[in-house]
Every structure is written in structure tokens, then in C-alpha cells.
Amino acid sequence: IPDDQAAVGEMYRVLRPGGRLVLLGHVASP
């Protein structure tokens, strides 16, 4: 997704209070 910040904001918006987000993705290795 080009705008990951907007996508996370949308995920937050559609969840009801107490709702859960499960996310799996590639990230920078430590």
C-alpha cells in the first residue's frame, strides 16, 4: 500500500472500540 499511514488510520477508523487488529508483514530486520 503506497500510503501505509493512511491505511493504518483506516483500519483504526473501521474497528469498533475494543476491536482487534492482526497484522503480518515484512519489516526492516534489526
PDB file of all heavy atoms in Angstrom:
ATOM      1  N   ILE A   1       0.859  -1.183   0.000  1.00  0.00           N
ATOM      2  CA  ILE A   1       0.000   0.000   0.000  1.00  0.00           C
ATOM      3  C   ILE A   1       0.901   1.240   0.000  1.00  0.00           C
ATOM      4  O   ILE A   1       1.731   1.384   0.903  1.00  0.00           O
ATOM      5  CB  ILE A   1      -0.935  -0.004   1.230  1.00  0.00           C
ATOM      6  CG1 ILE A   1      -1.874  -1.207   1.159  1.00  0.00           C
ATOM      7  CG2 ILE A   1      -1.707   1.300   1.328  1.00  0.00           C
ATOM      8  CD1 ILE A   1      -2.682  -1.442   2.406  1.00  0.00           C
ATOM      9  N   PRO A   2       0.756   2.107  -0.986  1.00  0.00           N
ATOM     10  CA  PRO A   2       1.641   3.270  -1.061  1.00  0.00           C
ATOM     11  C   PRO A   2       1.618   4.155   0.190  1.00  0.00           C
ATOM     12  O   PRO A   2       2.657   4.591   0.652  1.00  0.00           O
ATOM     13  CB  PRO A   2       1.129   4.042  -2.281  1.00  0.00           C
ATOM     14  CG  PRO A   2       0.461   3.013  -3.123  1.00  0.00           C
ATOM     15  CD  PRO A   2      -0.139   2.030  -2.148  1.00  0.00           C
ATOM     16  N   ASP A   3       0.438   4.411   0.750  1.00  0.00           N
ATOM     17  CA  ASP A   3       0.325   5.269   1.934  1.00  0.00           C
ATOM     18  C   ASP A   3      -0.030   4.405   3.143  1.00  0.00           C
ATOM     19  O   ASP A   3      -1.204   4.267   3.503  1.00  0.00           O
ATOM     20  CB  ASP A   3      -0.724   6.357   1.699  1.00  0.00           C
ATOM     21  CG  ASP A   3      -0.732   7.415   2.790  1.00  0.00           C
ATOM     22  OD1 ASP A   3      -0.101   7.207   3.851  1.00  0.00           O
ATOM     23  OD2 ASP A   3      -1.384   8.455   2.582  1.00  0.00           O
ATOM     24  N   ASP A   4       0.993   3.838   3.762  1.00  0.00           N
ATOM     25  CA  ASP A   4       0.753   2.930   4.889  1.00  0.00           C
ATOM     26  C   ASP A   4       0.143   3.644   6.086  1.00  0.00           C
ATOM     27  O   ASP A   4      -0.663   3.084   6.804  1.00  0.00           O
ATOM     28  CB  ASP A   4       2.021   2.171   5.275  1.00  0.00           C
ATOM     29  CG  ASP A   4       3.217   3.059   5.582  1.00  0.00           C
ATOM     30  OD1 ASP A   4       3.219   4.250   5.203  1.00  0.00           O
ATOM     31  OD2 ASP A   4       4.177   2.556   6.189  1.00  0.00           O
ATOM     32  N   GLN A   5       0.471   4.908   6.279  1.00  0.00           N
ATOM     33  CA  GLN A   5      -0.094   5.665   7.396  1.00  0.00           C
ATOM     34  C   GLN A   5      -1.607   5.833   7.224  1.00  0.00           C
ATOM     35  O   GLN A   5      -2.370   5.646   8.168  1.00  0.00           O
ATOM     36  CB  GLN A   5       0.582   7.027   7.500  1.00  0.00           C
ATOM     37  CG  GLN A   5       0.129   7.829   8.690  1.00  0.00           C
ATOM     38  CD  GLN A   5       0.917   9.121   8.838  1.00  0.00           C
ATOM     39  OE1 GLN A   5       1.726   9.487   7.991  1.00  0.00           O
ATOM     40  NE2 GLN A   5       0.673   9.819   9.922  1.00  0.00           N
ATOM     41  N   ALA A   6      -2.046   6.147   6.007  1.00  0.00           N
ATOM     42  CA  ALA A   6      -3.482   6.277   5.747  1.00  0.00           C
ATOM     43  C   ALA A   6      -4.186   4.933   5.912  1.00  0.00           C
ATOM     44  O   ALA A   6      -5.305   4.875   6.424  1.00  0.00           O
ATOM     45  CB  ALA A   6      -3.718   6.822   4.340  1.00  0.00           C
ATOM     46  N   ALA A   7      -3.533   3.846   5.508  1.00  0.00           N
ATOM     47  CA  ALA A   7      -4.131   2.513   5.641  1.00  0.00           C
ATOM     48  C   ALA A   7      -4.331   2.149   7.107  1.00  0.00           C
ATOM     49  O   ALA A   7      -5.380   1.636   7.491  1.00  0.00           O
ATOM     50  CB  ALA A   7      -3.250   1.476   4.945  1.00  0.00           C
ATOM     51  N   VAL A   8      -3.324   2.429   7.935  1.00  0.00           N
ATOM     52  CA  VAL A   8      -3.455   2.142   9.373  1.00  0.00           C
ATOM     53  C   VAL A   8      -4.555   3.016   9.977  1.00  0.00           C
ATOM     54  O   VAL A   8      -5.344   2.548  10.798  1.00  0.00           O
ATOM     55  CB  VAL A   8      -2.102   2.343  10.092  1.00  0.00           C
ATOM     56  CG1 VAL A   8      -2.276   2.332  11.602  1.00  0.00           C
ATOM     57  CG2 VAL A   8      -1.112   1.265   9.672  1.00  0.00           C
ATOM     58  N   GLY A   9      -4.638   4.260   9.553  1.00  0.00           N
ATOM     59  CA  GLY A   9      -5.706   5.142  10.029  1.00  0.00           C
ATOM     60  C   GLY A   9      -7.085   4.606   9.676  1.00  0.00           C
ATOM     61  O   GLY A   9      -8.027   4.688  10.473  1.00  0.00           O
ATOM     62  N   GLU A  10      -7.211   4.049   8.476  1.00  0.00           N
ATOM     63  CA  GLU A  10      -8.492   3.473   8.048  1.00  0.00           C
ATOM     64  C   GLU A  10      -8.820   2.214   8.858  1.00  0.00           C
ATOM     65  O   GLU A  10      -9.976   1.976   9.219  1.00  0.00           O
ATOM     66  CB  GLU A  10      -8.452   3.172   6.550  1.00  0.00           C
ATOM     67  CG  GLU A  10      -9.760   2.733   5.971  1.00  0.00           C
ATOM     68  CD  GLU A  10     -10.864   3.792   6.001  1.00  0.00           C
ATOM     69  OE1 GLU A  10     -10.606   4.960   6.345  1.00  0.00           O
ATOM     70  OE2 GLU A  10     -12.018   3.426   5.694  1.00  0.00           O
ATOM     71  N   MET A  11      -7.806   1.407   9.146  1.00  0.00           N
ATOM     72  CA  MET A  11      -8.024   0.219   9.979  1.00  0.00           C
ATOM     73  C   MET A  11      -8.550   0.632  11.351  1.00  0.00           C
ATOM     74  O   MET A  11      -9.476   0.023  11.885  1.00  0.00           O
ATOM     75  CB  MET A  11      -6.723  -0.577  10.119  1.00  0.00           C
ATOM     76  CG  MET A  11      -6.253  -1.228   8.855  1.00  0.00           C
ATOM     77  SD  MET A  11      -4.622  -1.990   9.106  1.00  0.00           S
ATOM     78  CE  MET A  11      -4.068  -2.165   7.422  1.00  0.00           C
ATOM     79  N   TYR A  12      -7.958   1.675  11.896  1.00  0.00           N
ATOM     80  CA  TYR A  12      -8.398   2.177  13.198  1.00  0.00           C
ATOM     81  C   TYR A  12      -9.840   2.683  13.115  1.00  0.00           C
ATOM     82  O   TYR A  12     -10.656   2.408  13.984  1.00  0.00           O
ATOM     83  CB  TYR A  12      -7.459   3.301  13.663  1.00  0.00           C
ATOM     84  CG  TYR A  12      -7.708   3.740  15.076  1.00  0.00           C
ATOM     85  CD1 TYR A  12      -7.113   3.083  16.144  1.00  0.00           C
ATOM     86  CD2 TYR A  12      -8.551   4.808  15.361  1.00  0.00           C
ATOM     87  CE1 TYR A  12      -7.335   3.482  17.451  1.00  0.00           C
ATOM     88  CE2 TYR A  12      -8.789   5.208  16.658  1.00  0.00           C
ATOM     89  CZ  TYR A  12      -8.183   4.543  17.700  1.00  0.00           C
ATOM     90  OH  TYR A  12      -8.417   4.927  18.999  1.00  0.00           O
ATOM     91  N   ARG A  13     -10.138   3.418  12.047  1.00  0.00           N
ATOM     92  CA  ARG A  13     -11.476   4.004  11.893  1.00  0.00           C
ATOM     93  C   ARG A  13     -12.567   2.943  11.836  1.00  0.00           C
ATOM     94  O   ARG A  13     -13.614   3.085  12.455  1.00  0.00           O
ATOM     95  CB  ARG A  13     -11.526   4.859  10.622  1.00  0.00           C
ATOM     96  CG  ARG A  13     -12.840   5.612  10.457  1.00  0.00           C
ATOM     97  CD  ARG A  13     -12.962   6.261   9.094  1.00  0.00           C
ATOM     98  NE  ARG A  13     -13.158   5.282   8.031  1.00  0.00           N
ATOM     99  CZ  ARG A  13     -14.315   4.671   7.745  1.00  0.00           C
ATOM    100  NH1 ARG A  13     -15.400   4.916   8.478  1.00  0.00           N
ATOM    101  NH2 ARG A  13     -14.399   3.823   6.756  1.00  0.00           N
ATOM    102  N   VAL A  14     -12.331   1.856  11.096  1.00  0.00           N
ATOM    103  CA  VAL A  14     -13.402   0.866  10.904  1.00  0.00           C
ATOM    104  C   VAL A  14     -13.574  -0.075  12.090  1.00  0.00           C
ATOM    105  O   VAL A  14     -14.622  -0.708  12.212  1.00  0.00           O
ATOM    106  CB  VAL A  14     -13.206   0.038   9.605  1.00  0.00           C
ATOM    107  CG1 VAL A  14     -13.193   0.951   8.399  1.00  0.00           C
ATOM    108  CG2 VAL A  14     -11.972  -0.834   9.658  1.00  0.00           C
ATOM    109  N   LEU A  15     -12.585  -0.167  12.947  1.00  0.00           N
ATOM    110  CA  LEU A  15     -12.725  -1.044  14.114  1.00  0.00           C
ATOM    111  C   LEU A  15     -13.610  -0.396  15.180  1.00  0.00           C
ATOM    112  O   LEU A  15     -13.526   0.798  15.420  1.00  0.00           O
ATOM    113  CB  LEU A  15     -11.354  -1.332  14.735  1.00  0.00           C
ATOM    114  CG  LEU A  15     -10.579  -2.484  14.139  1.00  0.00           C
ATOM    115  CD1 LEU A  15      -9.184  -2.541  14.738  1.00  0.00           C
ATOM    116  CD2 LEU A  15     -11.297  -3.796  14.368  1.00  0.00           C
ATOM    117  N   ARG A  16     -14.410  -1.216  15.812  1.00  0.00           N
ATOM    118  CA  ARG A  16     -15.190  -0.703  16.932  1.00  0.00           C
ATOM    119  C   ARG A  16     -14.280  -0.640  18.159  1.00  0.00           C
ATOM    120  O   ARG A  16     -13.243  -1.305  18.202  1.00  0.00           O
ATOM    121  CB  ARG A  16     -16.396  -1.589  17.192  1.00  0.00           C
ATOM    122  CG  ARG A  16     -16.058  -2.969  17.712  1.00  0.00           C
ATOM    123  CD  ARG A  16     -17.353  -3.759  17.901  1.00  0.00           C
ATOM    124  NE  ARG A  16     -17.052  -5.125  18.237  1.00  0.00           N
ATOM    125  CZ  ARG A  16     -16.969  -5.581  19.487  1.00  0.00           C
ATOM    126  NH1 ARG A  16     -17.181  -4.787  20.507  1.00  0.00           N
ATOM    127  NH2 ARG A  16     -16.709  -6.848  19.712  1.00  0.00           N
ATOM    128  N   PRO A  17     -14.630   0.140  19.167  1.00  0.00           N
ATOM    129  CA  PRO A  17     -13.834   0.163  20.384  1.00  0.00           C
ATOM    130  C   PRO A  17     -13.685  -1.251  20.950  1.00  0.00           C
ATOM    131  O   PRO A  17     -14.656  -2.011  21.014  1.00  0.00           O
ATOM    132  CB  PRO A  17     -14.636   1.061  21.328  1.00  0.00           C
ATOM    133  CG  PRO A  17     -15.393   1.970  20.397  1.00  0.00           C
ATOM    134  CD  PRO A  17     -15.732   1.093  19.210  1.00  0.00           C
ATOM    135  N   GLY A  18     -12.484  -1.619  21.290  1.00  0.00           N
ATOM    136  CA  GLY A  18     -12.195  -2.962  21.770  1.00  0.00           C
ATOM    137  C   GLY A  18     -11.885  -3.928  20.641  1.00  0.00           C
ATOM    138  O   GLY A  18     -11.514  -5.072  20.892  1.00  0.00           O
ATOM    139  N   GLY A  19     -12.006  -3.481  19.386  1.00  0.00           N
ATOM    140  CA  GLY A  19     -11.709  -4.332  18.230  1.00  0.00           C
ATOM    141  C   GLY A  19     -10.221  -4.620  18.115  1.00  0.00           C
ATOM    142  O   GLY A  19      -9.383  -3.891  18.635  1.00  0.00           O
ATOM    143  N   ARG A  20      -9.913  -5.676  17.397  1.00  0.00           N
ATOM    144  CA  ARG A  20      -8.536  -6.168  17.329  1.00  0.00           C
ATOM    145  C   ARG A  20      -7.992  -6.100  15.905  1.00  0.00           C
ATOM    146  O   ARG A  20      -8.677  -6.447  14.946  1.00  0.00           O
ATOM    147  CB  ARG A  20      -8.503  -7.603  17.833  1.00  0.00           C
ATOM    148  CG  ARG A  20      -7.128  -8.204  17.928  1.00  0.00           C
ATOM    149  CD  ARG A  20      -7.179  -9.520  18.624  1.00  0.00           C
ATOM    150  NE  ARG A  20      -7.921 -10.468  17.797  1.00  0.00           N
ATOM    151  CZ  ARG A  20      -7.785 -11.770  17.863  1.00  0.00           C
ATOM    152  NH1 ARG A  20      -6.964 -12.297  18.740  1.00  0.00           N
ATOM    153  NH2 ARG A  20      -8.473 -12.556  17.078  1.00  0.00           N
ATOM    154  N   LEU A  21      -6.736  -5.682  15.785  1.00  0.00           N
ATOM    155  CA  LEU A  21      -6.008  -5.684  14.521  1.00  0.00           C
ATOM    156  C   LEU A  21      -4.937  -6.754  14.579  1.00  0.00           C
ATOM    157  O   LEU A  21      -4.160  -6.813  15.533  1.00  0.00           O
ATOM    158  CB  LEU A  21      -5.350  -4.325  14.273  1.00  0.00           C
ATOM    159  CG  LEU A  21      -4.350  -4.257  13.118  1.00  0.00           C
ATOM    160  CD1 LEU A  21      -5.032  -4.502  11.782  1.00  0.00           C
ATOM    161  CD2 LEU A  21      -3.630  -2.925  13.123  1.00  0.00           C
ATOM    162  N   VAL A  22      -4.913  -7.625  13.573  1.00  0.00           N
ATOM    163  CA  VAL A  22      -3.870  -8.638  13.446  1.00  0.00           C
ATOM    164  C   VAL A  22      -3.121  -8.299  12.164  1.00  0.00           C
ATOM    165  O   VAL A  22      -3.715  -8.243  11.091  1.00  0.00           O
ATOM    166  CB  VAL A  22      -4.462 -10.069  13.374  1.00  0.00           C
ATOM    167  CG1 VAL A  22      -3.365 -11.093  13.224  1.00  0.00           C
ATOM    168  CG2 VAL A  22      -5.312 -10.351  14.604  1.00  0.00           C
ATOM    169  N   LEU A  23      -1.830  -8.071  12.293  1.00  0.00           N
ATOM    170  CA  LEU A  23      -1.025  -7.597  11.177  1.00  0.00           C
ATOM    171  C   LEU A  23       0.208  -8.476  11.020  1.00  0.00           C
ATOM    172  O   LEU A  23       0.880  -8.784  12.005  1.00  0.00           O
ATOM    173  CB  LEU A  23      -0.607  -6.152  11.455  1.00  0.00           C
ATOM    174  CG  LEU A  23       0.193  -5.402  10.426  1.00  0.00           C
ATOM    175  CD1 LEU A  23      -0.658  -5.147   9.185  1.00  0.00           C
ATOM    176  CD2 LEU A  23       0.651  -4.075  11.004  1.00  0.00           C
ATOM    177  N   LEU A  24       0.488  -8.881   9.780  1.00  0.00           N
ATOM    178  CA  LEU A  24       1.697  -9.637   9.478  1.00  0.00           C
ATOM    179  C   LEU A  24       2.338  -8.981   8.264  1.00  0.00           C
ATOM    180  O   LEU A  24       1.648  -8.676   7.289  1.00  0.00           O
ATOM    181  CB  LEU A  24       1.362 -11.096   9.144  1.00  0.00           C
ATOM    182  CG  LEU A  24       2.584 -11.909   8.718  1.00  0.00           C
ATOM    183  CD1 LEU A  24       2.853 -12.996   9.735  1.00  0.00           C
ATOM    184  CD2 LEU A  24       2.373 -12.496   7.354  1.00  0.00           C
ATOM    185  N   GLY A  25       3.634  -8.716   8.343  1.00  0.00           N
ATOM    186  CA  GLY A  25       4.279  -8.076   7.206  1.00  0.00           C
ATOM    187  C   GLY A  25       5.784  -8.145   7.245  1.00  0.00           C
ATOM    188  O   GLY A  25       6.385  -8.537   8.249  1.00  0.00           O
ATOM    189  N   HIS A  26       6.382  -7.754   6.107  1.00  0.00           N
ATOM    190  CA  HIS A  26       7.837  -7.614   6.024  1.00  0.00           C
ATOM    191  C   HIS A  26       8.229  -6.329   6.731  1.00  0.00           C
ATOM    192  O   HIS A  26       7.590  -5.300   6.535  1.00  0.00           O
ATOM    193  CB  HIS A  26       8.292  -7.487   4.565  1.00  0.00           C
ATOM    194  CG  HIS A  26       8.015  -8.680   3.736  1.00  0.00           C
ATOM    195  ND1 HIS A  26       7.184  -8.635   2.642  1.00  0.00           N
ATOM    196  CD2 HIS A  26       8.454  -9.954   3.822  1.00  0.00           C
ATOM    197  CE1 HIS A  26       7.136  -9.827   2.091  1.00  0.00           C
ATOM    198  NE2 HIS A  26       7.881 -10.644   2.790  1.00  0.00           N
ATOM    199  N   VAL A  27       9.286  -6.382   7.514  1.00  0.00           N
ATOM    200  CA  VAL A  27       9.802  -5.196   8.193  1.00  0.00           C
ATOM    201  C   VAL A  27      11.326  -5.209   8.112  1.00  0.00           C
ATOM    202  O   VAL A  27      11.936  -6.233   7.794  1.00  0.00           O
ATOM    203  CB  VAL A  27       9.368  -5.136   9.679  1.00  0.00           C
ATOM    204  CG1 VAL A  27       7.866  -4.981   9.800  1.00  0.00           C
ATOM    205  CG2 VAL A  27       9.853  -6.337  10.458  1.00  0.00           C
ATOM    206  N   ALA A  28      11.915  -4.078   8.415  1.00  0.00           N
ATOM    207  CA  ALA A  28      13.372  -3.996   8.439  1.00  0.00           C
ATOM    208  C   ALA A  28      13.913  -4.881   9.562  1.00  0.00           C
ATOM    209  O   ALA A  28      13.459  -4.800  10.697  1.00  0.00           O
ATOM    210  CB  ALA A  28      13.815  -2.555   8.642  1.00  0.00           C
ATOM    211  N   SER A  29      14.863  -5.702   9.236  1.00  0.00           N
ATOM    212  CA  SER A  29      15.489  -6.572  10.224  1.00  0.00           C
ATOM    213  C   SER A  29      16.291  -5.743  11.224  1.00  0.00           C
ATOM    214  O   SER A  29      16.852  -4.711  10.863  1.00  0.00           O
ATOM    215  CB  SER A  29      16.437  -7.555   9.524  1.00  0.00           C
ATOM    216  OG  SER A  29      17.146  -8.327  10.470  1.00  0.00           O
ATOM    217  N   PRO A  30      16.373  -6.177  12.461  1.00  0.00           N
ATOM    218  CA  PRO A  30      17.219  -5.472  13.427  1.00  0.00           C
ATOM    219  C   PRO A  30      18.712  -5.736  13.188  1.00  0.00           C
ATOM    220  O   PRO A  30      19.557  -5.067  13.764  1.00  0.00           O
ATOM    221  CB  PRO A  30      16.767  -6.035  14.777  1.00  0.00           C
ATOM    222  CG  PRO A  30      16.180  -7.366  14.471  1.00  0.00           C
ATOM    223  CD  PRO A  30      15.613  -7.263  13.078  1.00  0.00           C
TER     224      PRO A  30
END
